[in-house]
Protein backbone atom coordinates (compact mmCIF):
# COMPACT_ATOMS: atom_id res chain seq x y z
CA UNK A 1 10.54 -4.13 9.47
CA UNK A 2 10.21 -6.15 6.23
CA UNK A 3 12.62 -5.66 3.38
CA UNK A 4 11.10 -3.29 0.87
CA UNK A 5 10.82 -4.37 -2.76
CA UNK A 6 11.06 -2.45 -5.97
CA UNK A 7 7.38 -1.53 -6.02
CA UNK A 8 7.71 0.08 -2.59
CA UNK A 9 10.58 2.20 -3.92
CA UNK A 10 8.58 3.17 -6.99
CA UNK A 11 5.60 4.09 -4.83
CA UNK A 12 7.80 6.09 -2.47
CA UNK A 13 9.34 7.94 -5.42
CA UNK A 14 5.88 8.72 -6.79
CA UNK A 15 4.79 10.06 -3.42
CA UNK A 16 7.81 12.34 -3.26
CA UNK A 17 6.82 13.73 -6.66
CA UNK A 18 3.06 13.66 -6.01
CA UNK A 19 2.34 16.89 -7.92
CA UNK A 20 3.38 15.12 -11.14
CA UNK A 21 1.30 12.00 -10.51
CA UNK A 22 -2.32 11.50 -11.49
CA UNK A 23 -4.52 8.43 -11.46
CA UNK A 24 -2.56 6.42 -8.88
CA UNK A 25 -5.15 6.07 -6.16
CA UNK A 26 -4.10 3.67 -3.43
CA UNK A 27 -0.41 4.51 -3.31
CA UNK A 28 -0.58 6.41 -0.04
CA UNK A 29 -2.70 3.64 1.46
CA UNK A 30 -0.28 0.90 0.31
CA UNK A 31 2.71 2.71 1.81
CA UNK A 32 0.80 3.18 5.06
CA UNK A 33 -0.03 -0.56 5.19
CA UNK A 34 3.63 -1.43 4.56
CA UNK A 35 4.75 0.95 7.29
CA UNK A 36 2.07 -0.07 9.82
CA UNK A 37 2.09 -3.78 9.04
CA UNK A 38 -1.70 -3.88 9.02
CA UNK A 39 -4.74 -2.43 7.30
CA UNK A 40 -6.14 -1.29 10.66
CA UNK A 41 -2.89 0.45 11.55
CA UNK A 42 -2.80 2.16 8.16
CA UNK A 43 -6.41 3.25 8.56
CA UNK A 44 -5.65 4.73 11.97
CA UNK A 45 -2.54 6.52 10.68
CA UNK A 46 -4.40 8.03 7.74
CA UNK A 47 -7.67 8.70 9.56
CA UNK A 48 -9.62 6.49 7.15
CA UNK A 49 -11.65 3.29 7.50
CA UNK A 50 -10.06 -0.14 7.15
CA UNK A 51 -12.49 -0.93 4.33
CA UNK A 52 -11.31 2.17 2.42
CA UNK A 53 -7.69 1.08 2.83
CA UNK A 54 -8.50 -2.45 1.67
CA UNK A 55 -10.40 -1.26 -1.42
CA UNK A 56 -7.72 1.27 -2.35
CA UNK A 57 -4.92 -1.31 -2.09
CA UNK A 58 -6.95 -3.88 -4.05
CA UNK A 59 -7.58 -1.28 -6.77
CA UNK A 60 -3.85 -0.45 -6.93
CA UNK A 61 -2.95 -4.15 -7.11
CA UNK A 62 -5.42 -4.58 -9.98
CA UNK A 63 -3.99 -1.58 -11.79
CA UNK A 64 -0.39 -2.79 -11.34
CA UNK A 65 -1.41 -6.42 -11.95
CA UNK A 66 0.69 -7.53 -9.00
CA UNK A 67 -0.05 -8.65 -5.46
CA UNK A 68 1.60 -6.16 -3.10
CA UNK A 69 0.70 -7.86 0.18
CA UNK A 70 0.18 -11.37 1.51
CA UNK A 71 -2.92 -11.26 3.70
CA UNK A 72 -3.94 -13.66 6.43
CA UNK A 73 -6.45 -13.21 9.22
CA UNK A 74 -3.60 -12.37 11.59
CA UNK A 75 -1.03 -10.43 9.57
CA UNK A 76 -0.13 -8.55 6.42
CA UNK A 77 3.31 -8.92 4.86
CA UNK A 78 4.83 -7.38 1.77
CA UNK A 79 5.31 -9.76 -1.16
CA UNK A 80 8.59 -10.00 -3.07
CA UNK A 81 6.99 -7.86 -5.77
CA UNK A 82 5.65 -5.43 -3.20
């Protein structure tokens, strides 16, 4: 399992206090991708489409102005910021 960065810890903390969080779409999807190691695995775990997961994570990255994952055609890894 990859080492988890500060953003992962922030996201995890937000999820634990979800009732107090609004406007952070994509957090659950990003955590699922980090845990599964792939967008397809996250989609399966959450019962959503891979395209939904991809759009949600991209939206979160735009909002945070940071790249959370390195993406290749074969794998997804968490960035140092992620």
